[in-house]
Amino acid sequence: MPLRKEVKQELTTKFGRDEQDTGSTAVQVAMLTQRINDLSGHLQLHKKDHHGRRGLLTMVGRRKRMLSYLEKTDYEGYKALIAELGLRR
């Protein structure tokens, strides 16, 4: 399920350096977190959607790799991002 345009714009302005910054690691992690939360809600309703579950695991792994990269390159930004998103890590 792709994100709506309004949600993407809101995440970009909140976590990006400017309004056009969609490629920074913080923005990508925030968008992945939003998609993961949406898909988790979908999978609670549709328990037999195994293809969606596989996509969820793929997104979780991608977010984990991005967070470990961010932790290595910008530790303070990493701590602020996981506190803002409410992630346990």
N, C-alpha and C. Protein backbone atom coordinates (compact mmCIF):
# COMPACT_ATOMS: atom_id res chain seq x y z
N MET A 1 0.84 -1.16 0.00
CA MET A 1 0.00 0.00 0.00
C MET A 1 0.89 1.24 0.00
N PRO A 2 0.84 2.01 -1.04
CA PRO A 2 1.66 3.22 -1.06
C PRO A 2 1.09 4.29 -0.13
N LEU A 3 1.95 5.19 0.26
CA LEU A 3 1.51 6.28 1.13
C LEU A 3 0.80 7.35 0.32
N ARG A 4 -0.16 8.00 0.95
CA ARG A 4 -0.84 9.11 0.29
C ARG A 4 0.10 10.30 0.19
N LYS A 5 -0.20 11.16 -0.76
CA LYS A 5 0.67 12.31 -1.03
C LYS A 5 0.77 13.24 0.19
N GLU A 6 -0.33 13.42 0.90
CA GLU A 6 -0.32 14.30 2.06
C GLU A 6 0.56 13.76 3.17
N VAL A 7 0.50 12.44 3.38
CA VAL A 7 1.31 11.81 4.42
C VAL A 7 2.79 11.92 4.08
N LYS A 8 3.13 11.69 2.81
CA LYS A 8 4.53 11.83 2.38
C LYS A 8 5.03 13.26 2.60
N GLN A 9 4.21 14.23 2.23
CA GLN A 9 4.61 15.62 2.38
C GLN A 9 4.80 15.98 3.85
N GLU A 10 3.92 15.48 4.70
CA GLU A 10 4.03 15.75 6.14
C GLU A 10 5.31 15.15 6.72
N LEU A 11 5.61 13.91 6.34
CA LEU A 11 6.83 13.27 6.84
C LEU A 11 8.08 13.96 6.31
N THR A 12 8.02 14.42 5.06
CA THR A 12 9.17 15.09 4.48
C THR A 12 9.45 16.42 5.18
N THR A 13 8.41 17.17 5.48
CA THR A 13 8.63 18.46 6.16
C THR A 13 9.07 18.24 7.61
N LYS A 14 8.61 17.17 8.23
CA LYS A 14 8.94 16.93 9.63
C LYS A 14 10.37 16.40 9.81
N PHE A 15 10.80 15.47 8.95
CA PHE A 15 12.08 14.82 9.14
C PHE A 15 13.16 15.24 8.14
N GLY A 16 12.79 15.91 7.07
CA GLY A 16 13.76 16.28 6.05
C GLY A 16 14.44 17.60 6.35
N ARG A 17 15.48 17.88 5.57
CA ARG A 17 16.19 19.14 5.72
C ARG A 17 15.38 20.29 5.13
N ASP A 18 14.66 20.01 4.04
CA ASP A 18 13.75 20.99 3.46
C ASP A 18 12.54 20.22 2.91
N GLU A 19 11.66 20.91 2.20
CA GLU A 19 10.42 20.27 1.75
C GLU A 19 10.62 19.31 0.59
N GLN A 20 11.75 19.43 -0.13
CA GLN A 20 12.02 18.55 -1.27
C GLN A 20 12.91 17.37 -0.91
N ASP A 21 13.32 17.25 0.34
CA ASP A 21 14.28 16.24 0.77
C ASP A 21 13.56 14.92 1.07
N THR A 22 13.46 14.08 0.05
CA THR A 22 12.82 12.79 0.26
C THR A 22 13.83 11.66 0.31
N GLY A 23 15.10 11.95 0.06
CA GLY A 23 16.10 10.90 -0.04
C GLY A 23 16.95 10.71 1.19
N SER A 24 16.86 11.60 2.17
CA SER A 24 17.70 11.43 3.34
C SER A 24 17.24 10.21 4.14
N THR A 25 18.16 9.67 4.90
CA THR A 25 17.90 8.43 5.62
C THR A 25 16.77 8.59 6.62
N ALA A 26 16.71 9.72 7.30
CA ALA A 26 15.67 9.93 8.31
C ALA A 26 14.28 9.93 7.68
N VAL A 27 14.15 10.56 6.52
CA VAL A 27 12.85 10.61 5.84
C VAL A 27 12.47 9.21 5.35
N GLN A 28 13.43 8.49 4.80
CA GLN A 28 13.14 7.14 4.31
C GLN A 28 12.72 6.22 5.45
N VAL A 29 13.38 6.34 6.60
CA VAL A 29 13.00 5.52 7.76
C VAL A 29 11.61 5.89 8.24
N ALA A 30 11.30 7.18 8.25
CA ALA A 30 9.97 7.61 8.70
C ALA A 30 8.88 7.09 7.76
N MET A 31 9.14 7.13 6.44
CA MET A 31 8.15 6.63 5.48
C MET A 31 7.99 5.11 5.60
N LEU A 32 9.10 4.42 5.78
CA LEU A 32 9.00 2.97 5.97
C LEU A 32 8.24 2.62 7.25
N THR A 33 8.47 3.39 8.30
CA THR A 33 7.76 3.14 9.56
C THR A 33 6.26 3.34 9.38
N GLN A 34 5.88 4.37 8.64
CA GLN A 34 4.45 4.60 8.37
C GLN A 34 3.85 3.45 7.58
N ARG A 35 4.56 2.99 6.55
CA ARG A 35 4.06 1.87 5.75
C ARG A 35 3.99 0.59 6.57
N ILE A 36 4.97 0.36 7.45
CA ILE A 36 4.98 -0.83 8.30
C ILE A 36 3.79 -0.79 9.25
N ASN A 37 3.51 0.36 9.82
CA ASN A 37 2.36 0.47 10.73
C ASN A 37 1.04 0.22 10.00
N ASP A 38 0.91 0.76 8.78
CA ASP A 38 -0.31 0.54 8.01
C ASP A 38 -0.47 -0.94 7.66
N LEU A 39 0.61 -1.56 7.23
CA LEU A 39 0.53 -2.97 6.83
C LEU A 39 0.30 -3.88 8.03
N SER A 40 0.82 -3.51 9.19
CA SER A 40 0.57 -4.30 10.40
C SER A 40 -0.92 -4.31 10.74
N GLY A 41 -1.55 -3.16 10.60
CA GLY A 41 -3.00 -3.09 10.84
C GLY A 41 -3.77 -3.93 9.84
N HIS A 42 -3.33 -3.92 8.59
CA HIS A 42 -3.97 -4.73 7.56
C HIS A 42 -3.83 -6.22 7.88
N LEU A 43 -2.65 -6.61 8.34
CA LEU A 43 -2.42 -8.04 8.60
C LEU A 43 -3.14 -8.52 9.85
N GLN A 44 -3.49 -7.63 10.74
CA GLN A 44 -4.29 -8.04 11.89
C GLN A 44 -5.71 -8.41 11.46
N LEU A 45 -6.21 -7.73 10.43
CA LEU A 45 -7.54 -8.06 9.92
C LEU A 45 -7.52 -9.28 9.00
N HIS A 46 -6.50 -9.36 8.16
CA HIS A 46 -6.39 -10.42 7.15
C HIS A 46 -5.23 -11.34 7.52
N LYS A 47 -5.50 -12.29 8.38
CA LYS A 47 -4.45 -13.13 8.94
C LYS A 47 -3.81 -14.07 7.92
N LYS A 48 -4.48 -14.39 6.85
CA LYS A 48 -3.95 -15.35 5.88
C LYS A 48 -3.27 -14.68 4.69
N ASP A 49 -2.99 -13.40 4.79
CA ASP A 49 -2.32 -12.69 3.71
C ASP A 49 -0.80 -12.90 3.86
N HIS A 50 -0.32 -14.02 3.35
CA HIS A 50 1.09 -14.37 3.53
C HIS A 50 2.00 -13.55 2.63
N HIS A 51 1.53 -13.14 1.47
CA HIS A 51 2.34 -12.31 0.59
C HIS A 51 2.55 -10.92 1.22
N GLY A 52 1.53 -10.40 1.84
CA GLY A 52 1.67 -9.13 2.54
C GLY A 52 2.61 -9.24 3.73
N ARG A 53 2.57 -10.38 4.41
CA ARG A 53 3.46 -10.61 5.54
C ARG A 53 4.92 -10.63 5.09
N ARG A 54 5.16 -11.23 3.91
CA ARG A 54 6.53 -11.27 3.37
C ARG A 54 7.00 -9.85 3.02
N GLY A 55 6.11 -9.05 2.46
CA GLY A 55 6.45 -7.66 2.18
C GLY A 55 6.74 -6.88 3.45
N LEU A 56 5.99 -7.17 4.51
CA LEU A 56 6.22 -6.51 5.79
C LEU A 56 7.61 -6.86 6.32
N LEU A 57 7.99 -8.12 6.25
CA LEU A 57 9.31 -8.53 6.73
C LEU A 57 10.42 -7.90 5.90
N THR A 58 10.19 -7.73 4.61
CA THR A 58 11.16 -7.07 3.74
C THR A 58 11.34 -5.61 4.16
N MET A 59 10.23 -4.93 4.43
CA MET A 59 10.32 -3.52 4.84
C MET A 59 10.98 -3.37 6.20
N VAL A 60 10.70 -4.30 7.12
CA VAL A 60 11.32 -4.23 8.44
C VAL A 60 12.84 -4.42 8.32
N GLY A 61 13.27 -5.34 7.47
CA GLY A 61 14.70 -5.55 7.27
C GLY A 61 15.37 -4.34 6.63
N ARG A 62 14.70 -3.72 5.68
CA ARG A 62 15.26 -2.52 5.03
C ARG A 62 15.39 -1.38 6.03
N ARG A 63 14.34 -1.22 6.88
CA ARG A 63 14.40 -0.16 7.90
C ARG A 63 15.52 -0.42 8.90
N LYS A 64 15.72 -1.70 9.25
CA LYS A 64 16.78 -2.05 10.19
C LYS A 64 18.15 -1.70 9.62
N ARG A 65 18.36 -1.99 8.33
CA ARG A 65 19.64 -1.66 7.69
C ARG A 65 19.85 -0.14 7.64
N MET A 66 18.79 0.60 7.33
CA MET A 66 18.92 2.05 7.28
C MET A 66 19.21 2.63 8.66
N LEU A 67 18.58 2.08 9.70
CA LEU A 67 18.83 2.57 11.04
C LEU A 67 20.25 2.27 11.51
N SER A 68 20.78 1.11 11.14
CA SER A 68 22.16 0.82 11.54
C SER A 68 23.14 1.71 10.79
N TYR A 69 22.84 2.06 9.53
CA TYR A 69 23.67 3.02 8.79
C TYR A 69 23.61 4.38 9.47
N LEU A 70 22.42 4.81 9.83
CA LEU A 70 22.26 6.11 10.48
C LEU A 70 22.96 6.14 11.83
N GLU A 71 22.94 5.02 12.54
CA GLU A 71 23.60 4.94 13.84
C GLU A 71 25.12 5.10 13.68
N LYS A 72 25.67 4.53 12.60
CA LYS A 72 27.11 4.64 12.37
C LYS A 72 27.52 6.04 11.92
N THR A 73 26.69 6.69 11.13
CA THR A 73 27.08 7.96 10.55
C THR A 73 26.68 9.17 11.40
N ASP A 74 25.50 9.13 12.03
CA ASP A 74 24.99 10.28 12.79
C ASP A 74 24.27 9.75 14.03
N TYR A 75 25.03 9.52 15.09
CA TYR A 75 24.46 8.86 16.27
C TYR A 75 23.41 9.73 16.95
N GLU A 76 23.64 11.02 17.05
CA GLU A 76 22.67 11.90 17.70
C GLU A 76 21.37 11.98 16.90
N GLY A 77 21.49 12.05 15.59
CA GLY A 77 20.30 12.05 14.74
C GLY A 77 19.54 10.74 14.84
N TYR A 78 20.29 9.65 14.97
CA TYR A 78 19.69 8.32 15.14
C TYR A 78 18.87 8.27 16.43
N LYS A 79 19.46 8.73 17.53
CA LYS A 79 18.74 8.70 18.81
C LYS A 79 17.48 9.57 18.76
N ALA A 80 17.60 10.73 18.12
CA ALA A 80 16.44 11.62 18.03
C ALA A 80 15.35 11.00 17.17
N LEU A 81 15.75 10.33 16.08
CA LEU A 81 14.77 9.74 15.17
C LEU A 81 14.01 8.59 15.83
N ILE A 82 14.71 7.69 16.52
CA ILE A 82 14.00 6.57 17.13
C ILE A 82 13.13 7.03 18.29
N ALA A 83 13.54 8.11 18.96
CA ALA A 83 12.69 8.66 20.02
C ALA A 83 11.43 9.29 19.41
N GLU A 84 11.59 9.99 18.29
CA GLU A 84 10.46 10.64 17.64
C GLU A 84 9.47 9.63 17.06
N LEU A 85 10.00 8.56 16.48
CA LEU A 85 9.14 7.54 15.86
C LEU A 85 8.61 6.52 16.86
N GLY A 86 9.19 6.49 18.04
CA GLY A 86 8.75 5.54 19.06
C GLY A 86 9.18 4.11 18.78
N LEU A 87 10.39 3.95 18.22
CA LEU A 87 10.89 2.63 17.90
C LEU A 87 11.69 2.08 19.08
N ARG A 88 11.62 0.78 19.26
CA ARG A 88 12.44 0.12 20.29
C ARG A 88 13.67 -0.41 19.59
N ARG A 89 14.81 0.04 20.01
CA ARG A 89 16.04 -0.47 19.41
C ARG A 89 17.15 -0.44 20.36
